[in-house]
Amino acid sequence: VPRSLRVAVSVGIGLFITLVGLVDAGVVKRIPDAANTTVPVQLGLDGALNGWPVLLFVAALLLLIALYVKKVKGAFLIAISVATVAAIVLENIVHAGSSVKNSLGWALNVPSIPDSVVASPVFSTFGQFNLFGSFESIGFVSALLLMFTLLLSDFFDTVGTVTAVGSEAGLLKKNGTPPKVKDILMVDSLAAIAGGAAGVSSNTSYIESTSGVAEGARTGFASVITGLLFLLAIFLAPLVEVIPSEAAVPALILVGFLMMTQIGEINWKKPEVGIPAFLVAILMPFTYSISVGIGAGFVSYAFIKWLQGKAKDVDVLLWVVAVLFVIYFAIRPLTDLLT
C-alpha cells in the first residue's frame, strides 16, 4: 500500500473520531429531515452552542488543551475526571436532564451519583445466536454477500485502526506495516467471534486506543490494564455510567488533532497521490465508516494509475482489493440482481 494512502488513513480516522466527538458532545447536530433543508448538519441547536452540557464540553476541551500544552502527565485522565465531577455538580444545580426529554440536556447519560456502585452483570444474551439464521431468513446468495460485506468492513476497519495507532506510536516497520500483523488480525478475528457468541457487539480494535498512545502507551501493558478495567467495569456499571460523553469526548478531539499532524507527508501535487489520499481522508468522517474511506482510496488509486498507463506499477494484491471494494460498493444492486 503506498505510503500516501497509509498516511491518509491516519488523517481520515483523526477527522472521523473528531466528528464523532463533536456529535456526541452536541456541538454538531443533524438537522431534522422535516426541515426540508439542503444543509445536513448545523452548529449545536439552531446554529448556536446552547445548553450547559455543551458548555461543560467546551470547558473540558480547553482544560485538556491547557494540560497537553503544559505537558502534564495524565492530562486525559485529569481532564475527564475534573469534567465528570463538574458535570455532577452542574446537573444538581441546573437539572438539565437527558436530551431525550430536553433538547439542551445531556447527550448519552445524565451525570449523577448512583445509589450503588456495584451491579450484577446481565448474561441473558450470552450464547443467543444462530449460525445459519441468515441463510434461512434471506437466502443463500444474500447471506454470502452479507458475510462478504461484514468481512471486508471488519478487516479494513481493523487494518486502518491498527495502522493509524501504530503510526501515532511510531511502531510501524520501515515499509509502513504494523509489526506482527498476522497475530493482530488473529486476535481481532477471534475477539469478533467471541463477541457475537456472547450476544454483544463485535469486539475489535478501537481507534480510541490512540488516547492511550498519546499518554505514552507503547509496550501493550496499557492494553492489558484497559482489559482488566473493562472486566471490572462489568460489575461497576453504575459508576462508569456517571461519566457523561461531554466529559469524555474532548479526548477524541485532541487525539484527532494528533493524527492530523501527519498530513504534511502527503504529496498533494501528484494527482495519483493526492486524489486517493483526499478521498480516504474525507469519506471516513462523511460516511461514518473507516472501510468506505479505505475502499475509495484503493479504487481511485488503481484507476488513476491505469489512466496514466502505469497499471503494472500497482501491486497485484492492491488490484484484487480494489475489485473487491467495487463489489462491496455495489453490493445492493448485486444482491437484487442475484436474488
C-alpha atoms as a PDB file:
ATOM      1  CA  VAL A   1       0.000   0.000   0.000  1.00  0.00           C
ATOM      2  CA  PRO A   2       1.502   3.390  -0.977  1.00  0.00           C
ATOM      3  CA  ARG A   3       2.685   5.471   1.957  1.00  0.00           C
ATOM      4  CA  SER A   4       0.389   8.331   0.948  1.00  0.00           C
ATOM      5  CA  LEU A   5      -2.655   6.092   1.454  1.00  0.00           C
ATOM      6  CA  ARG A   6      -1.378   4.862   4.813  1.00  0.00           C
ATOM      7  CA  VAL A   7      -0.903   8.446   5.978  1.00  0.00           C
ATOM      8  CA  ALA A   8      -4.333   9.373   4.611  1.00  0.00           C
ATOM      9  CA  VAL A   9      -5.884   6.547   6.637  1.00  0.00           C
ATOM     10  CA  SER A  10      -4.452   8.043   9.841  1.00  0.00           C
ATOM     11  CA  VAL A  11      -5.610  11.527   8.870  1.00  0.00           C
ATOM     12  CA  GLY A  12      -9.069  10.268   7.904  1.00  0.00           C
ATOM     13  CA  ILE A  13      -9.513   8.383  11.155  1.00  0.00           C
ATOM     14  CA  GLY A  14      -8.426  11.509  13.017  1.00  0.00           C
ATOM     15  CA  LEU A  15     -11.139  13.509  11.261  1.00  0.00           C
ATOM     16  CA  PHE A  16     -13.626  10.692  11.844  1.00  0.00           C
ATOM     17  CA  ILE A  17     -13.157  10.488  15.609  1.00  0.00           C
ATOM     18  CA  THR A  18     -13.188  14.282  15.808  1.00  0.00           C
ATOM     19  CA  LEU A  19     -16.596  14.354  14.130  1.00  0.00           C
ATOM     20  CA  VAL A  20     -17.817  11.542  16.389  1.00  0.00           C
ATOM     21  CA  GLY A  21     -16.682  13.545  19.402  1.00  0.00           C
ATOM     22  CA  LEU A  22     -18.340  16.750  18.221  1.00  0.00           C
ATOM     23  CA  VAL A  23     -21.610  14.913  17.528  1.00  0.00           C
ATOM     24  CA  ASP A  24     -21.559  13.151  20.906  1.00  0.00           C
ATOM     25  CA  ALA A  25     -20.917  16.476  22.633  1.00  0.00           C
ATOM     26  CA  GLY A  26     -23.809  18.178  20.853  1.00  0.00           C
ATOM     27  CA  VAL A  27     -21.564  20.686  19.068  1.00  0.00           C
ATOM     28  CA  VAL A  28     -22.593  19.244  15.701  1.00  0.00           C
ATOM     29  CA  LYS A  29     -26.240  18.246  15.311  1.00  0.00           C
ATOM     30  CA  ARG A  30     -28.236  16.775  12.464  1.00  0.00           C
ATOM     31  CA  ILE A  31     -30.956  18.999  11.077  1.00  0.00           C
ATOM     32  CA  PRO A  32     -34.276  17.088  11.146  1.00  0.00           C
ATOM     33  CA  ASP A  33     -35.392  15.821   7.745  1.00  0.00           C
ATOM     34  CA  ALA A  34     -38.743  17.526   8.239  1.00  0.00           C
ATOM     35  CA  ALA A  35     -36.979  20.867   7.790  1.00  0.00           C
ATOM     36  CA  ASN A  36     -36.559  20.121   4.060  1.00  0.00           C
ATOM     37  CA  THR A  37     -33.189  21.832   4.064  1.00  0.00           C
ATOM     38  CA  THR A  38     -30.131  21.136   1.950  1.00  0.00           C
ATOM     39  CA  VAL A  39     -27.833  21.623   4.955  1.00  0.00           C
ATOM     40  CA  PRO A  40     -27.496  18.231   6.716  1.00  0.00           C
ATOM     41  CA  VAL A  41     -25.846  19.406   9.950  1.00  0.00           C
ATOM     42  CA  GLN A  42     -25.527  22.554  11.998  1.00  0.00           C
ATOM     43  CA  LEU A  43     -23.681  24.047  14.961  1.00  0.00           C
ATOM     44  CA  GLY A  44     -25.391  22.927  18.159  1.00  0.00           C
ATOM     45  CA  LEU A  45     -29.087  23.709  18.389  1.00  0.00           C
ATOM     46  CA  ASP A  46     -30.405  26.298  15.931  1.00  0.00           C
ATOM     47  CA  GLY A  47     -26.860  27.273  14.971  1.00  0.00           C
ATOM     48  CA  ALA A  48     -25.617  28.098  18.468  1.00  0.00           C
ATOM     49  CA  LEU A  49     -23.891  26.332  21.351  1.00  0.00           C
ATOM     50  CA  ASN A  50     -26.869  26.255  23.682  1.00  0.00           C
ATOM     51  CA  GLY A  51     -27.145  24.313  26.921  1.00  0.00           C
ATOM     52  CA  TRP A  52     -24.982  23.676  29.964  1.00  0.00           C
ATOM     53  CA  PRO A  53     -23.747  20.238  28.815  1.00  0.00           C
ATOM     54  CA  VAL A  54     -22.219  21.736  25.661  1.00  0.00           C
ATOM     55  CA  LEU A  55     -20.578  24.486  27.694  1.00  0.00           C
ATOM     56  CA  LEU A  56     -19.131  21.846  30.004  1.00  0.00           C
ATOM     57  CA  PHE A  57     -17.670  20.090  26.952  1.00  0.00           C
ATOM     58  CA  VAL A  58     -16.034  23.330  25.804  1.00  0.00           C
ATOM     59  CA  ALA A  59     -14.577  23.911  29.276  1.00  0.00           C
ATOM     60  CA  ALA A  60     -13.309  20.313  29.431  1.00  0.00           C
ATOM     61  CA  LEU A  61     -11.709  20.663  25.996  1.00  0.00           C
ATOM     62  CA  LEU A  62      -9.960  23.892  26.994  1.00  0.00           C
ATOM     63  CA  LEU A  63      -8.715  22.239  30.194  1.00  0.00           C
ATOM     64  CA  LEU A  64      -7.362  19.264  28.245  1.00  0.00           C
ATOM     65  CA  ILE A  65      -5.631  21.541  25.729  1.00  0.00           C
ATOM     66  CA  ALA A  66      -4.047  23.518  28.569  1.00  0.00           C
ATOM     67  CA  LEU A  67      -2.799  20.352  30.285  1.00  0.00           C
ATOM     68  CA  TYR A  68      -1.477  18.970  26.995  1.00  0.00           C
ATOM     69  CA  VAL A  69       0.339  22.190  26.088  1.00  0.00           C
ATOM     70  CA  LYS A  70       1.881  22.263  29.573  1.00  0.00           C
ATOM     71  CA  LYS A  71       2.906  18.592  29.064  1.00  0.00           C
ATOM     72  CA  VAL A  72       1.167  17.426  32.227  1.00  0.00           C
ATOM     73  CA  LYS A  73       1.333  13.647  32.666  1.00  0.00           C
ATOM     74  CA  GLY A  74      -2.104  12.058  32.740  1.00  0.00           C
ATOM     75  CA  ALA A  75      -3.688  15.049  31.003  1.00  0.00           C
ATOM     76  CA  PHE A  76      -6.509  12.982  29.504  1.00  0.00           C
ATOM     77  CA  LEU A  77      -7.439  11.269  32.771  1.00  0.00           C
ATOM     78  CA  ILE A  78      -7.236  14.510  34.753  1.00  0.00           C
ATOM     79  CA  ALA A  79      -9.435  16.405  32.292  1.00  0.00           C
ATOM     80  CA  ILE A  80     -12.073  13.656  32.168  1.00  0.00           C
ATOM     81  CA  SER A  81     -12.121  13.303  35.970  1.00  0.00           C
ATOM     82  CA  VAL A  82     -12.415  17.043  36.624  1.00  0.00           C
ATOM     83  CA  ALA A  83     -15.105  17.411  33.951  1.00  0.00           C
ATOM     84  CA  THR A  84     -17.094  14.493  35.401  1.00  0.00           C
ATOM     85  CA  VAL A  85     -17.098  15.986  38.906  1.00  0.00           C
ATOM     86  CA  ALA A  86     -18.068  19.365  37.446  1.00  0.00           C
ATOM     87  CA  ALA A  87     -20.864  17.702  35.446  1.00  0.00           C
ATOM     88  CA  ILE A  88     -22.333  16.076  38.573  1.00  0.00           C
ATOM     89  CA  VAL A  89     -22.295  19.405  40.423  1.00  0.00           C
ATOM     90  CA  LEU A  90     -23.738  21.221  37.407  1.00  0.00           C
ATOM     91  CA  GLU A  91     -26.576  18.725  36.977  1.00  0.00           C
ATOM     92  CA  ASN A  92     -27.545  19.079  40.637  1.00  0.00           C
ATOM     93  CA  ILE A  93     -27.842  22.832  40.096  1.00  0.00           C
ATOM     94  CA  VAL A  94     -29.445  23.223  36.648  1.00  0.00           C
ATOM     95  CA  HIS A  95     -31.234  19.836  36.301  1.00  0.00           C
ATOM     96  CA  ALA A  96     -30.689  19.666  32.542  1.00  0.00           C
ATOM     97  CA  GLY A  97     -31.746  16.021  32.369  1.00  0.00           C
ATOM     98  CA  SER A  98     -31.482  13.766  29.322  1.00  0.00           C
ATOM     99  CA  SER A  99     -31.502  15.073  25.745  1.00  0.00           C
ATOM    100  CA  VAL A 100     -34.365  12.635  25.100  1.00  0.00           C
ATOM    101  CA  LYS A 101     -36.661  14.840  27.195  1.00  0.00           C
ATOM    102  CA  ASN A 102     -34.768  18.129  26.913  1.00  0.00           C
ATOM    103  CA  SER A 103     -33.041  19.129  23.665  1.00  0.00           C
ATOM    104  CA  LEU A 104     -30.454  21.012  25.737  1.00  0.00           C
ATOM    105  CA  GLY A 105     -29.826  18.077  28.067  1.00  0.00           C
ATOM    106  CA  TRP A 106     -27.004  15.542  28.367  1.00  0.00           C
ATOM    107  CA  ALA A 107     -26.361  13.529  25.205  1.00  0.00           C
ATOM    108  CA  LEU A 108     -25.993   9.925  26.394  1.00  0.00           C
ATOM    109  CA  ASN A 109     -26.246   9.672  30.168  1.00  0.00           C
ATOM    110  CA  VAL A 110     -27.130  12.103  32.922  1.00  0.00           C
ATOM    111  CA  PRO A 111     -24.257  12.563  35.420  1.00  0.00           C
ATOM    112  CA  SER A 112     -25.454  11.794  38.929  1.00  0.00           C
ATOM    113  CA  ILE A 113     -24.178   9.930  41.963  1.00  0.00           C
ATOM    114  CA  PRO A 114     -25.570   6.365  41.704  1.00  0.00           C
ATOM    115  CA  ASP A 115     -27.436   4.670  44.533  1.00  0.00           C
ATOM    116  CA  SER A 116     -24.979   1.790  44.268  1.00  0.00           C
ATOM    117  CA  VAL A 117     -21.606   1.466  42.548  1.00  0.00           C
ATOM    118  CA  VAL A 118     -21.951  -2.292  42.067  1.00  0.00           C
ATOM    119  CA  ALA A 119     -24.447  -4.120  39.857  1.00  0.00           C
ATOM    120  CA  SER A 120     -24.865  -7.715  38.772  1.00  0.00           C
ATOM    121  CA  PRO A 121     -23.995  -8.201  35.089  1.00  0.00           C
ATOM    122  CA  VAL A 122     -26.705  -9.416  32.722  1.00  0.00           C
ATOM    123  CA  PHE A 123     -25.865 -12.503  30.670  1.00  0.00           C
ATOM    124  CA  SER A 124     -29.284 -13.032  29.085  1.00  0.00           C
ATOM    125  CA  THR A 125     -27.903 -12.659  25.537  1.00  0.00           C
ATOM    126  CA  PHE A 126     -24.940 -14.981  26.100  1.00  0.00           C
ATOM    127  CA  GLY A 127     -24.978 -17.777  23.522  1.00  0.00           C
ATOM    128  CA  GLN A 128     -28.098 -16.416  21.840  1.00  0.00           C
ATOM    129  CA  PHE A 129     -27.008 -16.777  18.228  1.00  0.00           C
ATOM    130  CA  ASN A 130     -27.863 -18.844  15.176  1.00  0.00           C
ATOM    131  CA  LEU A 131     -25.040 -19.718  12.782  1.00  0.00           C
ATOM    132  CA  PHE A 132     -27.370 -20.441   9.887  1.00  0.00           C
ATOM    133  CA  GLY A 133     -30.144 -17.982  10.695  1.00  0.00           C
ATOM    134  CA  SER A 134     -29.239 -15.558   7.901  1.00  0.00           C
ATOM    135  CA  PHE A 135     -29.207 -18.376   5.326  1.00  0.00           C
ATOM    136  CA  GLU A 136     -32.709 -19.379   6.407  1.00  0.00           C
ATOM    137  CA  SER A 137     -34.161 -15.871   6.524  1.00  0.00           C
ATOM    138  CA  ILE A 138     -32.654 -14.111   3.484  1.00  0.00           C
ATOM    139  CA  GLY A 139     -31.396 -16.947   1.292  1.00  0.00           C
ATOM    140  CA  PHE A 140     -28.013 -18.469   0.466  1.00  0.00           C
ATOM    141  CA  VAL A 141     -26.734 -15.869  -2.027  1.00  0.00           C
ATOM    142  CA  SER A 142     -27.841 -12.878   0.044  1.00  0.00           C
ATOM    143  CA  ALA A 143     -26.273 -14.411   3.145  1.00  0.00           C
ATOM    144  CA  LEU A 144     -22.952 -14.916   1.330  1.00  0.00           C
ATOM    145  CA  LEU A 145     -22.979 -11.310   0.119  1.00  0.00           C
ATOM    146  CA  LEU A 146     -23.787 -10.165   3.654  1.00  0.00           C
ATOM    147  CA  MET A 147     -20.877 -12.180   5.055  1.00  0.00           C
ATOM    148  CA  PHE A 148     -18.570 -10.726   2.386  1.00  0.00           C
ATOM    149  CA  THR A 149     -19.659  -7.203   3.312  1.00  0.00           C
ATOM    150  CA  LEU A 150     -19.094  -7.777   7.029  1.00  0.00           C
ATOM    151  CA  LEU A 151     -15.724  -9.438   6.410  1.00  0.00           C
ATOM    152  CA  LEU A 152     -14.414  -6.655   4.192  1.00  0.00           C
ATOM    153  CA  SER A 153     -15.707  -3.935   6.508  1.00  0.00           C
ATOM    154  CA  ASP A 154     -14.327  -5.506   9.689  1.00  0.00           C
ATOM    155  CA  PHE A 155     -10.975  -6.399   8.110  1.00  0.00           C
ATOM    156  CA  PHE A 156     -10.222  -2.943   6.746  1.00  0.00           C
ATOM    157  CA  ASP A 157     -11.621  -1.165   9.806  1.00  0.00           C
ATOM    158  CA  THR A 158      -9.093  -3.164  11.822  1.00  0.00           C
ATOM    159  CA  VAL A 159      -6.229  -2.621   9.376  1.00  0.00           C
ATOM    160  CA  GLY A 160      -6.925   1.110   9.267  1.00  0.00           C
ATOM    161  CA  THR A 161      -7.183   1.399  13.037  1.00  0.00           C
ATOM    162  CA  VAL A 162      -4.049  -0.645  13.759  1.00  0.00           C
ATOM    163  CA  THR A 163      -2.054   1.251  11.129  1.00  0.00           C
ATOM    164  CA  ALA A 164      -3.185   4.628  12.460  1.00  0.00           C
ATOM    165  CA  VAL A 165      -2.488   3.743  16.093  1.00  0.00           C
ATOM    166  CA  GLY A 166       0.849   2.165  15.187  1.00  0.00           C
ATOM    167  CA  SER A 167       1.841   5.229  13.188  1.00  0.00           C
ATOM    168  CA  GLU A 168       0.961   7.552  16.059  1.00  0.00           C
ATOM    169  CA  ALA A 169       3.033   5.380  18.408  1.00  0.00           C
ATOM    170  CA  GLY A 170       5.953   5.149  15.989  1.00  0.00           C
ATOM    171  CA  LEU A 171       5.738   1.350  15.942  1.00  0.00           C
ATOM    172  CA  LEU A 172       5.357   0.722  12.212  1.00  0.00           C
ATOM    173  CA  LYS A 173       8.071  -1.027  10.213  1.00  0.00           C
ATOM    174  CA  LYS A 174      10.092   0.833   7.579  1.00  0.00           C
ATOM    175  CA  ASN A 175       7.664  -0.337   4.891  1.00  0.00           C
ATOM    176  CA  GLY A 176       4.769   1.131   6.882  1.00  0.00           C
ATOM    177  CA  THR A 177       3.187  -2.127   8.065  1.00  0.00           C
ATOM    178  CA  PRO A 178       2.408  -2.920  11.718  1.00  0.00           C
ATOM    179  CA  PRO A 179       4.651  -5.485  13.435  1.00  0.00           C
ATOM    180  CA  LYS A 180       3.206  -8.994  13.938  1.00  0.00           C
ATOM    181  CA  VAL A 181       0.201  -8.112  11.794  1.00  0.00           C
ATOM    182  CA  LYS A 182      -0.848 -11.780  11.474  1.00  0.00           C
ATOM    183  CA  ASP A 183      -1.088 -12.102  15.258  1.00  0.00           C
ATOM    184  CA  ILE A 184      -3.045  -8.845  15.452  1.00  0.00           C
ATOM    185  CA  LEU A 185      -5.578  -9.995  12.863  1.00  0.00           C
ATOM    186  CA  MET A 186      -5.893 -13.408  14.518  1.00  0.00           C
ATOM    187  CA  VAL A 187      -6.666 -11.862  17.911  1.00  0.00           C
ATOM    188  CA  ASP A 188      -9.084  -9.383  16.354  1.00  0.00           C
ATOM    189  CA  SER A 189     -10.967 -12.079  14.414  1.00  0.00           C
ATOM    190  CA  LEU A 190     -11.248 -14.350  17.449  1.00  0.00           C
ATOM    191  CA  ALA A 191     -12.487 -11.399  19.507  1.00  0.00           C
ATOM    192  CA  ALA A 192     -15.148 -10.642  16.888  1.00  0.00           C
ATOM    193  CA  ILE A 193     -16.328 -14.261  17.002  1.00  0.00           C
ATOM    194  CA  ALA A 194     -16.336 -14.245  20.802  1.00  0.00           C
ATOM    195  CA  GLY A 195     -18.355 -11.023  20.860  1.00  0.00           C
ATOM    196  CA  GLY A 196     -21.008 -12.478  18.592  1.00  0.00           C
ATOM    197  CA  ALA A 197     -21.141 -15.711  20.587  1.00  0.00           C
ATOM    198  CA  ALA A 198     -21.615 -13.695  23.771  1.00  0.00           C
ATOM    199  CA  GLY A 199     -24.525 -11.816  22.242  1.00  0.00           C
ATOM    200  CA  VAL A 200     -22.854  -8.396  22.321  1.00  0.00           C
ATOM    201  CA  SER A 201     -21.480  -6.032  19.703  1.00  0.00           C
ATOM    202  CA  SER A 202     -18.379  -7.074  17.796  1.00  0.00           C
ATOM    203  CA  ASN A 203     -15.120  -6.909  19.733  1.00  0.00           C
ATOM    204  CA  THR A 204     -12.465  -5.265  17.602  1.00  0.00           C
ATOM    205  CA  SER A 205      -9.606  -2.774  17.600  1.00  0.00           C
ATOM    206  CA  TYR A 206     -10.853   0.649  18.654  1.00  0.00           C
ATOM    207  CA  ILE A 207      -9.382   3.917  17.439  1.00  0.00           C
ATOM    208  CA  GLU A 208      -9.795   5.343  20.956  1.00  0.00           C
ATOM    209  CA  SER A 209      -6.567   3.443  21.685  1.00  0.00           C
ATOM    210  CA  THR A 210      -4.747   6.481  20.318  1.00  0.00           C
ATOM    211  CA  SER A 211      -5.622   8.354  23.513  1.00  0.00           C
ATOM    212  CA  GLY A 212      -3.508   5.799  25.372  1.00  0.00           C
ATOM    213  CA  VAL A 213      -0.714   6.210  22.828  1.00  0.00           C
ATOM    214  CA  ALA A 214      -0.899   9.974  23.317  1.00  0.00           C
ATOM    215  CA  GLU A 215      -0.211   9.371  27.014  1.00  0.00           C
ATOM    216  CA  GLY A 216       2.846   7.259  26.221  1.00  0.00           C
ATOM    217  CA  ALA A 217       1.491   3.710  25.789  1.00  0.00           C
ATOM    218  CA  ARG A 218       3.856   1.628  23.655  1.00  0.00           C
ATOM    219  CA  THR A 219       4.520  -1.869  25.047  1.00  0.00           C
ATOM    220  CA  GLY A 220       0.974  -3.249  25.287  1.00  0.00           C
ATOM    221  CA  PHE A 221       0.840  -3.014  29.073  1.00  0.00           C
ATOM    222  CA  ALA A 222      -1.743  -0.226  28.805  1.00  0.00           C
ATOM    223  CA  SER A 223      -3.961  -2.574  26.778  1.00  0.00           C
ATOM    224  CA  VAL A 224      -3.719  -5.237  29.484  1.00  0.00           C
ATOM    225  CA  ILE A 225      -4.699  -2.689  32.140  1.00  0.00           C
ATOM    226  CA  THR A 226      -7.564  -1.468  29.945  1.00  0.00           C
ATOM    227  CA  GLY A 227      -8.822  -5.030  29.541  1.00  0.00           C
ATOM    228  CA  LEU A 228      -8.719  -5.629  33.292  1.00  0.00           C
ATOM    229  CA  LEU A 229     -10.577  -2.376  33.910  1.00  0.00           C
ATOM    230  CA  PHE A 230     -13.222  -3.389  31.369  1.00  0.00           C
ATOM    231  CA  LEU A 231     -13.611  -6.656  33.261  1.00  0.00           C
ATOM    232  CA  LEU A 232     -14.008  -4.704  36.486  1.00  0.00           C
ATOM    233  CA  ALA A 233     -16.459  -2.334  34.795  1.00  0.00           C
ATOM    234  CA  ILE A 234     -18.836  -5.258  34.220  1.00  0.00           C
ATOM    235  CA  PHE A 235     -19.581  -5.144  37.934  1.00  0.00           C
ATOM    236  CA  LEU A 236     -19.178  -1.362  38.316  1.00  0.00           C
ATOM    237  CA  ALA A 237     -21.511  -0.303  35.512  1.00  0.00           C
ATOM    238  CA  PRO A 238     -23.417   2.257  37.652  1.00  0.00           C
ATOM    239  CA  LEU A 239     -20.140   4.022  38.461  1.00  0.00           C
ATOM    240  CA  VAL A 240     -18.963   4.011  34.849  1.00  0.00           C
ATOM    241  CA  GLU A 241     -22.281   5.453  33.677  1.00  0.00           C
ATOM    242  CA  VAL A 242     -21.675   8.552  35.798  1.00  0.00           C
ATOM    243  CA  ILE A 243     -19.227   9.887  33.197  1.00  0.00           C
ATOM    244  CA  PRO A 244     -21.167  11.907  30.575  1.00  0.00           C
ATOM    245  CA  SER A 245     -19.994  11.912  26.974  1.00  0.00           C
ATOM    246  CA  GLU A 246     -19.452  15.668  27.229  1.00  0.00           C
ATOM    247  CA  ALA A 247     -16.671  14.978  29.753  1.00  0.00           C
ATOM    248  CA  ALA A 248     -15.047  12.154  27.781  1.00  0.00           C
ATOM    249  CA  VAL A 249     -15.121  13.257  24.142  1.00  0.00           C
ATOM    250  CA  PRO A 250     -12.606  16.126  24.471  1.00  0.00           C
ATOM    251  CA  ALA A 251     -10.019  13.325  24.435  1.00  0.00           C
ATOM    252  CA  LEU A 252     -11.250  12.294  20.974  1.00  0.00           C
ATOM    253  CA  ILE A 253     -10.896  15.850  19.694  1.00  0.00           C
ATOM    254  CA  LEU A 254      -7.286  16.142  20.838  1.00  0.00           C
ATOM    255  CA  VAL A 255      -6.421  12.688  19.509  1.00  0.00           C
ATOM    256  CA  GLY A 256      -7.923  13.755  16.173  1.00  0.00           C
ATOM    257  CA  PHE A 257      -5.519  16.697  16.156  1.00  0.00           C
ATOM    258  CA  LEU A 258      -2.562  14.441  16.903  1.00  0.00           C
ATOM    259  CA  MET A 259      -3.452  12.179  13.989  1.00  0.00           C
ATOM    260  CA  MET A 260      -3.811  15.152  11.636  1.00  0.00           C
ATOM    261  CA  THR A 261      -0.182  16.174  12.148  1.00  0.00           C
ATOM    262  CA  GLN A 262       0.919  13.628   9.521  1.00  0.00           C
ATOM    263  CA  ILE A 263      -0.964  15.330   6.700  1.00  0.00           C
ATOM    264  CA  GLY A 264       2.135  17.228   5.543  1.00  0.00           C
ATOM    265  CA  GLU A 265       3.735  13.947   4.447  1.00  0.00           C
ATOM    266  CA  ILE A 266       1.281  13.613   1.534  1.00  0.00           C
ATOM    267  CA  ASN A 267       2.437  14.991  -1.839  1.00  0.00           C
ATOM    268  CA  TRP A 268      -0.740  16.799  -2.867  1.00  0.00           C
ATOM    269  CA  LYS A 269       0.735  17.993  -6.182  1.00  0.00           C
ATOM    270  CA  LYS A 270       0.685  14.482  -7.672  1.00  0.00           C
ATOM    271  CA  PRO A 271      -2.896  13.500  -8.655  1.00  0.00           C
ATOM    272  CA  GLU A 272      -2.199   9.766  -8.288  1.00  0.00           C
ATOM    273  CA  VAL A 273      -1.242  10.503  -4.685  1.00  0.00           C
ATOM    274  CA  GLY A 274      -3.347  13.487  -3.692  1.00  0.00           C
ATOM    275  CA  ILE A 275      -6.762  12.457  -5.044  1.00  0.00           C
ATOM    276  CA  PRO A 276      -6.857   8.981  -3.417  1.00  0.00           C
ATOM    277  CA  ALA A 277      -5.493  10.440  -0.166  1.00  0.00           C
ATOM    278  CA  PHE A 278      -8.165  13.148  -0.242  1.00  0.00           C
ATOM    279  CA  LEU A 279     -10.950  10.606  -0.803  1.00  0.00           C
ATOM    280  CA  VAL A 280      -9.679   8.414   2.032  1.00  0.00           C
ATOM    281  CA  ALA A 281      -9.460  11.297   4.485  1.00  0.00           C
ATOM    282  CA  ILE A 282     -12.727  12.985   3.579  1.00  0.00           C
ATOM    283  CA  LEU A 283     -15.027   9.974   3.155  1.00  0.00           C
ATOM    284  CA  MET A 284     -14.249   8.421   6.535  1.00  0.00           C
ATOM    285  CA  PRO A 285     -15.946  11.203   8.536  1.00  0.00           C
ATOM    286  CA  PHE A 286     -18.581  11.985   5.900  1.00  0.00           C
ATOM    287  CA  THR A 287     -19.769   8.361   5.650  1.00  0.00           C
ATOM    288  CA  TYR A 288     -19.054   7.433   9.287  1.00  0.00           C
ATOM    289  CA  SER A 289     -17.059   4.460   8.003  1.00  0.00           C
ATOM    290  CA  ILE A 290     -13.337   3.699   8.010  1.00  0.00           C
ATOM    291  CA  SER A 291     -13.680   0.909   5.441  1.00  0.00           C
ATOM    292  CA  VAL A 292     -15.538   3.133   2.954  1.00  0.00           C
ATOM    293  CA  GLY A 293     -12.712   5.675   3.028  1.00  0.00           C
ATOM    294  CA  ILE A 294     -10.062   2.992   2.557  1.00  0.00           C
ATOM    295  CA  GLY A 295     -12.035   1.423  -0.285  1.00  0.00           C
ATOM    296  CA  ALA A 296     -12.459   4.721  -2.120  1.00  0.00           C
ATOM    297  CA  GLY A 297      -8.727   5.345  -1.829  1.00  0.00           C
ATOM    298  CA  PHE A 298      -7.757   1.937  -3.171  1.00  0.00           C
ATOM    299  CA  VAL A 299     -10.192   2.058  -6.093  1.00  0.00           C
ATOM    300  CA  SER A 300      -9.265   5.618  -7.112  1.00  0.00           C
ATOM    301  CA  TYR A 301      -5.520   4.929  -6.808  1.00  0.00           C
ATOM    302  CA  ALA A 302      -5.716   1.878  -9.080  1.00  0.00           C
ATOM    303  CA  PHE A 303      -7.993   3.724 -11.517  1.00  0.00           C
ATOM    304  CA  ILE A 304      -5.709   6.775 -11.804  1.00  0.00           C
ATOM    305  CA  LYS A 305      -2.633   4.580 -12.261  1.00  0.00           C
ATOM    306  CA  TRP A 306      -4.485   2.778 -15.073  1.00  0.00           C
ATOM    307  CA  LEU A 307      -5.370   6.124 -16.698  1.00  0.00           C
ATOM    308  CA  GLN A 308      -1.698   7.122 -16.560  1.00  0.00           C
ATOM    309  CA  GLY A 309      -0.665   3.888 -18.258  1.00  0.00           C
ATOM    310  CA  LYS A 310       1.054   2.708 -15.090  1.00  0.00           C
ATOM    311  CA  ALA A 311      -1.239  -0.183 -14.200  1.00  0.00           C
ATOM    312  CA  LYS A 312       1.757  -2.501 -13.873  1.00  0.00           C
ATOM    313  CA  ASP A 313       3.158  -0.291 -11.099  1.00  0.00           C
ATOM    314  CA  VAL A 314       0.198  -1.253  -8.912  1.00  0.00           C
ATOM    315  CA  ASP A 315       0.697  -4.397  -6.842  1.00  0.00           C
ATOM    316  CA  VAL A 316      -1.493  -7.339  -7.880  1.00  0.00           C
ATOM    317  CA  LEU A 317      -2.910  -7.606  -4.356  1.00  0.00           C
ATOM    318  CA  LEU A 318      -3.960  -3.959  -4.433  1.00  0.00           C
ATOM    319  CA  TRP A 319      -5.793  -4.598  -7.710  1.00  0.00           C
ATOM    320  CA  VAL A 320      -7.578  -7.545  -6.106  1.00  0.00           C
ATOM    321  CA  VAL A 321      -8.575  -5.423  -3.111  1.00  0.00           C
ATOM    322  CA  ALA A 322      -9.755  -2.627  -5.420  1.00  0.00           C
ATOM    323  CA  VAL A 323     -12.006  -5.066  -7.297  1.00  0.00           C
ATOM    324  CA  LEU A 324     -13.354  -6.426  -4.005  1.00  0.00           C
ATOM    325  CA  PHE A 325     -14.212  -2.896  -2.909  1.00  0.00           C
ATOM    326  CA  VAL A 326     -16.021  -2.233  -6.189  1.00  0.00           C
ATOM    327  CA  ILE A 327     -18.140  -5.291  -5.396  1.00  0.00           C
ATOM    328  CA  TYR A 328     -18.566  -4.016  -1.834  1.00  0.00           C
ATOM    329  CA  PHE A 329     -19.816  -0.615  -3.021  1.00  0.00           C
ATOM    330  CA  ALA A 330     -22.200  -2.275  -5.498  1.00  0.00           C
ATOM    331  CA  ILE A 331     -23.438  -4.898  -3.041  1.00  0.00           C
ATOM    332  CA  ARG A 332     -27.080  -3.721  -3.047  1.00  0.00           C
ATOM    333  CA  PRO A 333     -27.675  -3.870  -6.823  1.00  0.00           C
ATOM    334  CA  LEU A 334     -25.695  -7.127  -6.997  1.00  0.00           C
ATOM    335  CA  THR A 335     -27.897  -8.617  -4.290  1.00  0.00           C
ATOM    336  CA  ASP A 336     -31.036  -7.537  -6.160  1.00  0.00           C
ATOM    337  CA  LEU A 337     -29.638  -8.963  -9.391  1.00  0.00           C
ATOM    338  CA  LEU A 338     -28.661 -12.355  -7.978  1.00  0.00           C
ATOM    339  CA  THR A 339     -31.701 -12.963  -5.766  1.00  0.00           C
END
